[in-house]
Amino acid sequence: MIRYSVSVTNSDDIELEDAFKQTLGTDDQEALYRPMRDALKKFLEQTMVTGINRQIRARRFERSPKRQAQRNGFYHRGLLTHFGYIPHLTVPRLRQGKVPTKVFARYQRRFQTVDAFIRKLFLSGTSTREVGDIMEQLLGARVSASTVSQVCKVLNEEVRKFHHRKLTDDYRFLMLDGVVVKVASAGRVGHQVVLVAYGIRHDRIREVIAFRVGRSENKETAEAFLTDLYRRGLTGECLQLITIDGSKGLRAAVDLVYPHVPLQRCWVHKLSNVANRLKVTQQTACLKEARQIYLAPNYKTALVIFRAWARRWRQAAPKAVACLEQDLEELLTFLKLNLDWVMRPTVRTTNPIERTFRELRKRIRPMCSFADRASCERVLYGLFQTYNNRWQDKKLWLPKRKKLTKAA
């Protein structure tokens, strides 16, 4: 089935669009693809015939002393292509041995482009059953839910390579955060924590460096995660700042693995904790004033603004002031580095990772939980690699182009 889009600009265009839809019905749309499938079928069959002629060094019915083997007729098989389903593809056979062909692999029933499309649909958030419906509408052949799962298992090897690849030590900023997902194990559904490392290189390219699925965000899990990064090449010699949320496990692991790198606490998480210690009537005014602290031009000015804010709210909300005061030094670390104004909003929070987490939650919303840990890692890998590929051509902190104005 082919979809057509007609740009409607006036009443004449509307009449042309209606006439086009009436002339080209569903059967006619299928008729447009049928010649393409027939041509592709002939091409594939001729390719296989040419290949077997080269293998046995003789054409069909040709008597030659150079002949290496004898043909044994044909058999028919189906093949799903990007032009639709070819039900009766004629494949030649030999009496002895196998016929090597570059058209398809043994037991292959779909083109690799079709499998890649299935994986892309699944990773984009489409359930296994919905993938079958979409494939039936587009290519005229339904794909079962089990087939979709088998096709996506090809990603297991890519996930393994991603976890074991060597890392470069050219990252300038590193951000660490975690998200909770549901994973089935031993017949029960439990919560698992996905730790994610997000980095910004010196060439201003951002990247999801690594992730790890663990039972919790404790010190042992975080330490194993960061130690693996260090062992694979991210020693942190070029790191200027590490940004984390309020996790005590991550805090302790960073001190152990990267003790020489300055630590920045996330302002979004901290202000959320402050808001939980305020009355509803106090939140708007108090948080608005607290935000002026990280908007200060330098470290000393930020301290002055904090002291003024603390004096104003210490009596009305002592717990909120104490919550911010206990981590103030780590909250203002980014101001000590004398970074450009355009860099500061990026490094003072873990928002870049939180954006990918929002996409992850949209992806897993159609399912109640992951079937197993391997399924969870496949979806995570597909999502993070999609972002990494998208970010390759989008550098951060590029100066805005000035608009050209015509001379008067």
Protein backbone atom coordinates (compact mmCIF):
# COMPACT_ATOMS: atom_id res chain seq x y z
CA MET A 1 0.00 0.00 0.00
CA ILE A 2 1.33 3.47 -0.94
CA ARG A 3 0.45 6.67 0.81
CA TYR A 4 0.14 9.89 -1.16
CA SER A 5 0.08 13.41 0.21
CA VAL A 6 -1.36 16.23 -1.92
CA SER A 7 -0.67 19.84 -1.08
CA VAL A 8 -4.05 21.59 -0.92
CA THR A 9 -3.94 25.27 -1.80
CA ASN A 10 -7.33 26.07 -3.34
CA SER A 11 -10.66 24.56 -4.41
CA ASP A 12 -9.22 23.31 -7.73
CA ASP A 13 -6.60 21.33 -5.82
CA ILE A 14 -9.30 19.81 -3.61
CA GLU A 15 -11.24 18.64 -6.66
CA LEU A 16 -8.08 17.13 -8.16
CA GLU A 17 -7.34 15.33 -4.90
CA ASP A 18 -10.87 13.85 -4.75
CA ALA A 19 -10.67 12.75 -8.38
CA PHE A 20 -7.26 11.20 -7.75
CA LYS A 21 -8.55 9.21 -4.75
CA GLN A 22 -11.54 7.95 -6.75
CA THR A 23 -9.38 6.92 -9.69
CA LEU A 24 -6.68 5.27 -7.59
CA GLY A 25 -8.41 2.83 -5.24
CA THR A 26 -6.87 0.26 -2.92
CA ASP A 27 -6.55 -2.35 -5.68
CA ASP A 28 -4.87 0.16 -7.98
CA GLN A 29 -2.43 1.14 -5.25
CA GLU A 30 -1.46 -2.50 -4.90
CA ALA A 31 -1.11 -2.69 -8.69
CA LEU A 32 1.59 -0.03 -8.56
CA TYR A 33 3.81 -2.20 -6.35
CA ARG A 34 3.10 -5.46 -8.20
CA PRO A 35 5.37 -4.68 -11.22
CA MET A 36 8.17 -3.73 -8.84
CA ARG A 37 7.85 -7.03 -7.00
CA ASP A 38 7.72 -8.95 -10.28
CA ALA A 39 10.84 -7.20 -11.55
CA LEU A 40 12.62 -7.85 -8.27
CA LYS A 41 11.56 -11.50 -8.35
CA LYS A 42 12.97 -11.95 -11.87
CA PHE A 43 16.19 -10.21 -10.92
CA LEU A 44 16.73 -12.38 -7.83
CA GLU A 45 15.94 -15.59 -9.73
CA GLN A 46 18.29 -14.64 -12.56
CA THR A 47 21.02 -13.83 -10.04
CA MET A 48 20.67 -17.27 -8.45
CA VAL A 49 20.72 -18.98 -11.89
CA THR A 50 23.86 -17.09 -12.84
CA GLY A 51 25.48 -18.08 -9.57
CA ILE A 52 24.74 -21.79 -9.99
CA ASN A 53 26.02 -21.69 -13.60
CA ARG A 54 29.32 -20.35 -12.33
CA GLN A 55 29.48 -22.97 -9.60
CA ILE A 56 28.93 -26.03 -11.81
CA ARG A 57 30.64 -24.40 -14.84
CA ALA A 58 27.81 -25.28 -17.21
CA ARG A 59 24.48 -23.90 -18.28
CA ARG A 60 21.19 -25.77 -18.06
CA PHE A 61 21.08 -28.85 -20.38
CA GLU A 62 24.64 -28.09 -21.50
CA ARG A 63 26.97 -31.08 -21.94
CA SER A 64 30.47 -30.01 -21.02
CA PRO A 65 33.56 -31.80 -19.64
CA LYS A 66 34.02 -28.90 -17.21
CA ARG A 67 30.69 -29.59 -15.46
CA GLN A 68 31.18 -29.96 -11.69
CA ALA A 69 27.70 -31.08 -10.55
CA GLN A 70 24.13 -31.76 -11.67
CA ARG A 71 21.04 -29.67 -11.08
CA ASN A 72 18.12 -31.08 -9.14
CA GLY A 73 15.23 -28.87 -10.16
CA PHE A 74 13.86 -26.01 -8.09
CA TYR A 75 11.94 -25.29 -4.94
CA HIS A 76 9.79 -22.31 -3.97
CA ARG A 77 10.05 -20.11 -0.91
CA GLY A 78 8.60 -16.82 0.29
CA LEU A 79 10.65 -13.67 0.85
CA LEU A 80 9.52 -10.43 2.48
CA THR A 81 11.12 -7.43 0.77
CA HIS A 82 10.74 -3.66 1.09
CA PHE A 83 8.44 -3.81 -1.97
CA GLY A 84 6.16 -6.37 -0.35
CA TYR A 85 5.92 -10.14 0.01
CA ILE A 86 7.14 -12.41 -2.82
CA PRO A 87 5.29 -15.71 -2.24
CA HIS A 88 6.87 -18.02 -4.85
CA LEU A 89 10.54 -17.28 -5.37
CA THR A 90 12.11 -20.03 -7.51
CA VAL A 91 15.38 -21.30 -5.97
CA PRO A 92 17.61 -23.80 -7.89
CA ARG A 93 18.96 -26.95 -6.22
CA LEU A 94 21.87 -29.38 -6.74
CA ARG A 95 21.94 -33.15 -6.42
CA GLN A 96 25.03 -32.95 -4.23
CA GLY A 97 26.06 -30.01 -2.10
CA LYS A 98 24.46 -26.65 -1.44
CA VAL A 99 23.93 -23.65 -3.65
CA PRO A 100 25.73 -20.61 -2.21
CA THR A 101 23.84 -17.44 -2.96
CA LYS A 102 24.23 -13.78 -2.05
CA VAL A 103 20.50 -13.16 -2.44
CA PHE A 104 19.62 -14.43 1.03
CA ALA A 105 21.14 -16.49 3.81
CA ARG A 106 20.02 -19.97 4.75
CA TYR A 107 16.49 -20.03 6.26
CA GLN A 108 16.21 -16.28 5.69
CA ARG A 109 12.65 -15.12 5.08
CA ARG A 110 13.12 -11.35 5.10
CA PHE A 111 15.50 -8.80 3.66
CA GLN A 112 17.90 -7.23 6.13
CA THR A 113 16.34 -3.85 5.43
CA VAL A 114 12.99 -5.26 6.60
CA ASP A 115 14.55 -6.60 9.79
CA ALA A 116 16.18 -3.23 10.40
CA PHE A 117 12.78 -1.55 9.95
CA ILE A 118 11.21 -3.99 12.43
CA ARG A 119 13.89 -3.23 15.00
CA LYS A 120 13.47 0.51 14.50
CA LEU A 121 9.70 0.24 14.98
CA PHE A 122 10.15 -1.77 18.16
CA LEU A 123 12.79 0.54 19.64
CA SER A 124 10.67 3.59 18.86
CA GLY A 125 7.98 2.36 21.28
CA THR A 126 5.74 0.14 19.15
CA SER A 127 4.67 -3.09 20.85
CA THR A 128 5.45 -6.46 19.25
CA ARG A 129 1.82 -7.00 18.21
CA GLU A 130 1.48 -3.49 16.80
CA VAL A 131 4.61 -4.06 14.68
CA GLY A 132 2.81 -6.97 13.00
CA ASP A 133 -0.18 -4.78 12.17
CA ILE A 134 2.02 -2.04 10.71
CA MET A 135 4.00 -4.52 8.59
CA GLU A 136 0.77 -5.99 7.23
CA GLN A 137 -0.50 -2.56 6.20
CA LEU A 138 2.78 -1.47 4.62
CA LEU A 139 4.13 -4.67 3.04
CA GLY A 140 1.13 -6.97 2.91
CA ALA A 141 2.62 -9.61 5.24
CA ARG A 142 2.02 -9.94 8.96
CA VAL A 143 4.93 -10.52 11.34
CA SER A 144 4.22 -12.38 14.58
CA ALA A 145 5.16 -11.04 18.00
CA SER A 146 7.65 -13.89 18.49
CA THR A 147 9.30 -13.03 15.16
CA VAL A 148 9.73 -9.42 16.27
CA SER A 149 11.37 -10.62 19.47
CA GLN A 150 13.72 -12.90 17.53
CA VAL A 151 14.66 -10.12 15.12
CA CYS A 152 15.44 -7.77 18.00
CA LYS A 153 17.68 -10.36 19.68
CA VAL A 154 20.27 -9.55 17.02
CA LEU A 155 20.94 -6.43 19.11
CA ASN A 156 22.37 -8.58 21.92
CA GLU A 157 25.78 -8.70 20.25
CA GLU A 158 25.72 -4.95 19.65
CA VAL A 159 24.86 -4.40 23.32
CA ARG A 160 27.79 -6.60 24.36
CA LYS A 161 30.19 -4.64 22.15
CA PHE A 162 28.83 -1.36 23.54
CA HIS A 163 29.51 -2.50 27.12
CA HIS A 164 33.08 -3.63 26.32
CA ARG A 165 34.29 -1.00 23.87
CA LYS A 166 37.33 1.12 24.71
CA LEU A 167 36.64 4.66 25.86
CA THR A 168 38.58 7.80 25.10
CA ASP A 169 39.64 10.20 27.84
CA ASP A 170 38.66 13.39 26.04
CA TYR A 171 35.52 14.19 28.05
CA ARG A 172 35.31 17.62 29.61
CA PHE A 173 32.11 17.19 31.65
CA LEU A 174 30.54 14.01 33.06
CA MET A 175 26.98 13.61 34.39
CA LEU A 176 25.69 10.63 36.36
CA ASP A 177 22.10 9.75 37.17
CA GLY A 178 19.75 6.79 37.49
CA VAL A 179 16.21 5.79 36.53
CA VAL A 180 13.98 3.02 37.90
CA VAL A 181 12.47 0.43 35.52
CA LYS A 182 10.43 -2.74 36.00
CA VAL A 183 12.08 -6.01 34.94
CA ALA A 184 10.66 -9.53 35.25
CA SER A 185 12.94 -12.10 36.86
CA ALA A 186 12.18 -15.66 38.04
CA GLY A 187 8.47 -15.13 37.41
CA ARG A 188 8.29 -11.94 39.47
CA VAL A 189 8.39 -8.30 38.46
CA GLY A 190 10.81 -6.15 40.43
CA HIS A 191 12.34 -2.70 40.25
CA GLN A 192 15.79 -2.26 38.74
CA VAL A 193 17.92 0.90 38.61
CA VAL A 194 19.63 1.97 35.38
CA LEU A 195 22.76 4.04 36.02
CA VAL A 196 23.70 6.26 33.08
CA ALA A 197 26.90 8.18 32.31
CA TYR A 198 26.53 11.17 30.00
CA GLY A 199 29.59 13.07 28.78
CA ILE A 200 30.47 16.21 26.82
CA ARG A 201 33.74 16.04 24.90
CA HIS A 202 36.17 18.87 24.21
CA ASP A 203 34.81 19.12 20.67
CA ARG A 204 31.39 19.94 22.26
CA ILE A 205 29.83 16.65 21.15
CA ARG A 206 27.61 15.05 23.81
CA GLU A 207 27.24 11.31 24.22
CA VAL A 208 25.66 8.67 26.43
CA ILE A 209 28.89 6.90 27.36
CA ALA A 210 27.61 3.85 29.22
CA PHE A 211 24.76 2.41 31.28
CA ARG A 212 24.36 -0.40 33.79
CA VAL A 213 21.26 -2.21 35.06
CA GLY A 214 21.49 -2.98 38.78
CA ARG A 215 19.31 -3.78 41.75
CA SER A 216 19.80 -0.43 43.46
CA GLU A 217 21.73 2.84 43.36
CA ASN A 218 23.91 1.94 46.33
CA LYS A 219 27.64 2.51 46.72
CA GLU A 220 28.66 -0.97 45.50
CA THR A 221 26.68 -0.74 42.24
CA ALA A 222 27.81 2.82 41.52
CA GLU A 223 31.42 1.96 42.34
CA ALA A 224 31.39 -1.03 39.98
CA PHE A 225 29.90 1.16 37.25
CA LEU A 226 32.50 3.93 37.58
CA THR A 227 35.38 1.47 37.98
CA ASP A 228 34.39 -0.13 34.69
CA LEU A 229 34.50 3.29 33.01
CA TYR A 230 37.94 3.92 34.48
CA ARG A 231 39.23 0.50 33.40
CA ARG A 232 38.02 0.99 29.83
CA GLY A 233 39.88 4.28 29.41
CA LEU A 234 37.92 7.10 31.05
CA THR A 235 40.52 7.95 33.68
CA GLY A 236 39.24 11.50 34.12
CA GLU A 237 42.49 13.34 33.40
CA CYS A 238 40.63 15.85 31.21
CA LEU A 239 37.46 16.06 33.33
CA GLN A 240 36.67 19.52 34.69
CA LEU A 241 33.41 18.68 36.47
CA ILE A 242 31.19 15.72 37.46
CA THR A 243 27.50 16.48 38.01
CA ILE A 244 25.33 14.12 40.08
CA ASP A 245 21.96 14.15 41.82
CA GLY A 246 21.56 13.66 45.56
CA SER A 247 22.36 9.92 45.55
CA LYS A 248 24.64 8.98 48.45
CA GLY A 249 25.86 5.89 46.58
CA LEU A 250 27.00 7.91 43.57
CA ARG A 251 28.54 10.51 45.87
CA ALA A 252 30.68 7.91 47.63
CA ALA A 253 31.64 6.15 44.38
CA VAL A 254 32.78 9.40 42.73
CA ASP A 255 34.98 10.21 45.72
CA LEU A 256 36.61 6.80 45.38
CA VAL A 257 37.11 6.53 41.60
CA TYR A 258 37.51 10.19 40.60
CA PRO A 259 38.66 11.96 43.79
CA HIS A 260 40.57 14.67 41.90
CA VAL A 261 37.58 15.87 39.81
CA PRO A 262 35.38 18.70 41.23
CA LEU A 263 31.85 17.58 42.09
CA GLN A 264 28.69 19.50 41.20
CA ARG A 265 25.31 18.78 42.80
CA CYS A 266 22.23 19.11 40.62
CA TRP A 267 20.25 22.27 41.32
CA VAL A 268 16.97 20.82 40.05
CA HIS A 269 17.08 17.90 42.50
CA LYS A 270 18.16 20.16 45.37
CA LEU A 271 15.39 22.73 44.78
CA SER A 272 12.90 19.87 44.64
CA ASN A 273 14.11 18.76 48.07
CA VAL A 274 13.83 22.33 49.32
CA ALA A 275 10.26 22.58 48.01
CA ASN A 276 9.29 19.44 49.96
CA ARG A 277 10.28 21.28 53.16
CA LEU A 278 8.18 24.37 52.41
CA LYS A 279 4.53 25.12 52.83
CA VAL A 280 2.55 25.36 49.62
CA THR A 281 2.04 29.08 50.16
CA GLN A 282 5.81 29.60 50.54
CA GLN A 283 7.09 27.63 47.57
CA THR A 284 6.64 30.18 44.77
CA ALA A 285 8.36 33.10 46.51
CA CYS A 286 11.07 31.09 48.27
CA LEU A 287 12.16 29.08 45.23
CA LYS A 288 12.11 32.15 42.99
CA GLU A 289 14.59 33.86 45.31
CA ALA A 290 16.69 30.70 45.66
CA ARG A 291 17.14 30.48 41.90
CA GLN A 292 18.93 33.81 41.96
CA ILE A 293 21.81 32.08 43.76
CA TYR A 294 22.92 29.97 40.78
CA LEU A 295 22.26 32.86 38.39
CA ALA A 296 24.94 34.93 40.10
CA PRO A 297 27.87 36.03 37.90
CA ASN A 298 30.52 34.56 40.25
CA TYR A 299 31.07 32.53 43.39
CA LYS A 300 31.37 35.45 45.83
CA THR A 301 28.18 37.10 44.60
CA ALA A 302 26.34 33.78 44.92
CA LEU A 303 27.38 33.57 48.59
CA VAL A 304 26.06 37.09 49.22
CA ILE A 305 22.73 36.23 47.60
CA PHE A 306 22.49 33.00 49.61
CA ARG A 307 23.10 34.76 52.93
CA ALA A 308 20.39 37.29 52.14
CA TRP A 309 18.01 34.49 51.19
CA ALA A 310 18.84 32.51 54.33
CA ARG A 311 18.21 35.50 56.60
CA ARG A 312 14.84 36.07 54.97
CA TRP A 313 13.60 32.45 55.24
CA ARG A 314 15.46 30.88 58.16
CA GLN A 315 12.74 31.67 60.68
CA ALA A 316 9.78 30.88 58.41
CA ALA A 317 11.28 27.70 56.83
CA PRO A 318 14.32 26.53 58.81
CA LYS A 319 14.34 23.01 57.33
CA ALA A 320 14.38 24.35 53.75
CA VAL A 321 17.29 26.68 54.51
CA ALA A 322 19.24 23.89 56.21
CA CYS A 323 18.63 21.57 53.25
CA LEU A 324 20.21 24.03 50.83
CA GLU A 325 22.93 25.17 53.22
CA GLN A 326 24.37 21.71 53.87
CA ASP A 327 25.29 21.19 50.19
CA LEU A 328 25.93 24.80 49.21
CA GLU A 329 29.63 24.33 48.49
CA GLU A 330 29.00 21.52 45.98
CA LEU A 331 26.06 23.42 44.46
CA LEU A 332 28.35 26.35 43.59
CA THR A 333 31.29 24.35 42.23
CA PHE A 334 30.52 25.33 38.62
CA LEU A 335 30.95 29.03 39.51
CA LYS A 336 34.53 28.41 40.65
CA LEU A 337 35.53 27.19 37.17
CA ASN A 338 34.89 30.54 35.45
CA LEU A 339 32.89 28.90 32.69
CA ASP A 340 31.20 30.82 29.90
CA TRP A 341 27.59 31.83 30.46
CA VAL A 342 26.36 29.49 27.76
CA MET A 343 27.92 26.45 29.48
CA ARG A 344 26.60 27.05 32.97
CA PRO A 345 22.95 25.97 32.49
CA THR A 346 24.12 22.67 31.03
CA VAL A 347 26.58 21.61 33.72
CA ARG A 348 24.79 22.76 36.89
CA THR A 349 22.04 20.12 36.55
CA THR A 350 21.54 16.56 35.28
CA ASN A 351 18.75 17.71 32.97
CA PRO A 352 20.45 16.35 29.81
CA ILE A 353 20.11 12.81 31.17
CA GLU A 354 16.60 13.49 32.47
CA ARG A 355 15.48 14.31 28.91
CA THR A 356 16.58 10.87 27.73
CA PHE A 357 14.81 9.35 30.73
CA ARG A 358 11.56 11.01 29.65
CA GLU A 359 11.91 9.37 26.24
CA LEU A 360 12.63 6.06 27.94
CA ARG A 361 9.44 6.31 30.00
CA LYS A 362 7.45 6.99 26.82
CA ARG A 363 9.06 3.92 25.25
CA ILE A 364 8.23 1.54 28.10
CA ARG A 365 4.72 2.92 28.69
CA PRO A 366 3.05 0.41 26.29
CA MET A 367 4.48 -2.52 28.29
CA CYS A 368 3.97 -3.31 31.95
CA SER A 369 7.55 -4.45 32.41
CA PHE A 370 10.55 -5.82 30.52
CA ALA A 371 10.48 -9.57 29.94
CA ASP A 372 14.06 -9.94 31.20
CA ARG A 373 17.25 -8.00 31.68
CA ALA A 374 18.42 -8.65 28.09
CA SER A 375 15.22 -7.11 26.73
CA CYS A 376 15.72 -4.09 28.99
CA GLU A 377 19.29 -3.58 27.78
CA ARG A 378 18.28 -3.89 24.11
CA VAL A 379 15.72 -1.11 24.45
CA LEU A 380 18.14 1.07 26.44
CA TYR A 381 20.89 0.55 23.90
CA GLY A 382 18.59 1.37 20.98
CA LEU A 383 17.36 4.56 22.64
CA PHE A 384 20.80 5.80 23.67
CA GLN A 385 22.38 5.00 20.32
CA THR A 386 19.59 6.89 18.58
CA TYR A 387 20.48 9.96 20.63
CA ASN A 388 24.22 9.48 20.11
CA ASN A 389 23.79 9.33 16.33
CA ARG A 390 21.57 12.41 16.42
CA TRP A 391 24.09 14.37 18.48
CA GLN A 392 27.08 13.66 16.21
CA ASP A 393 26.26 16.67 14.02
CA LYS A 394 24.92 18.94 16.77
CA LYS A 395 27.59 20.65 18.82
CA LEU A 396 26.74 22.44 22.05
CA TRP A 397 27.24 26.12 22.78
CA LEU A 398 27.54 27.25 19.17
CA PRO A 399 27.34 31.05 18.79
CA LYS A 400 24.13 32.33 17.27
CA ARG A 401 24.41 33.76 13.79
CA LYS A 402 23.68 37.43 13.52
CA LYS A 403 20.83 38.38 11.22
CA LEU A 404 21.93 40.24 8.15
CA THR A 405 20.21 43.57 7.66
CA LYS A 406 19.99 45.42 4.39
CA ALA A 407 21.69 48.77 4.21
CA ALA A 408 19.31 51.67 4.17
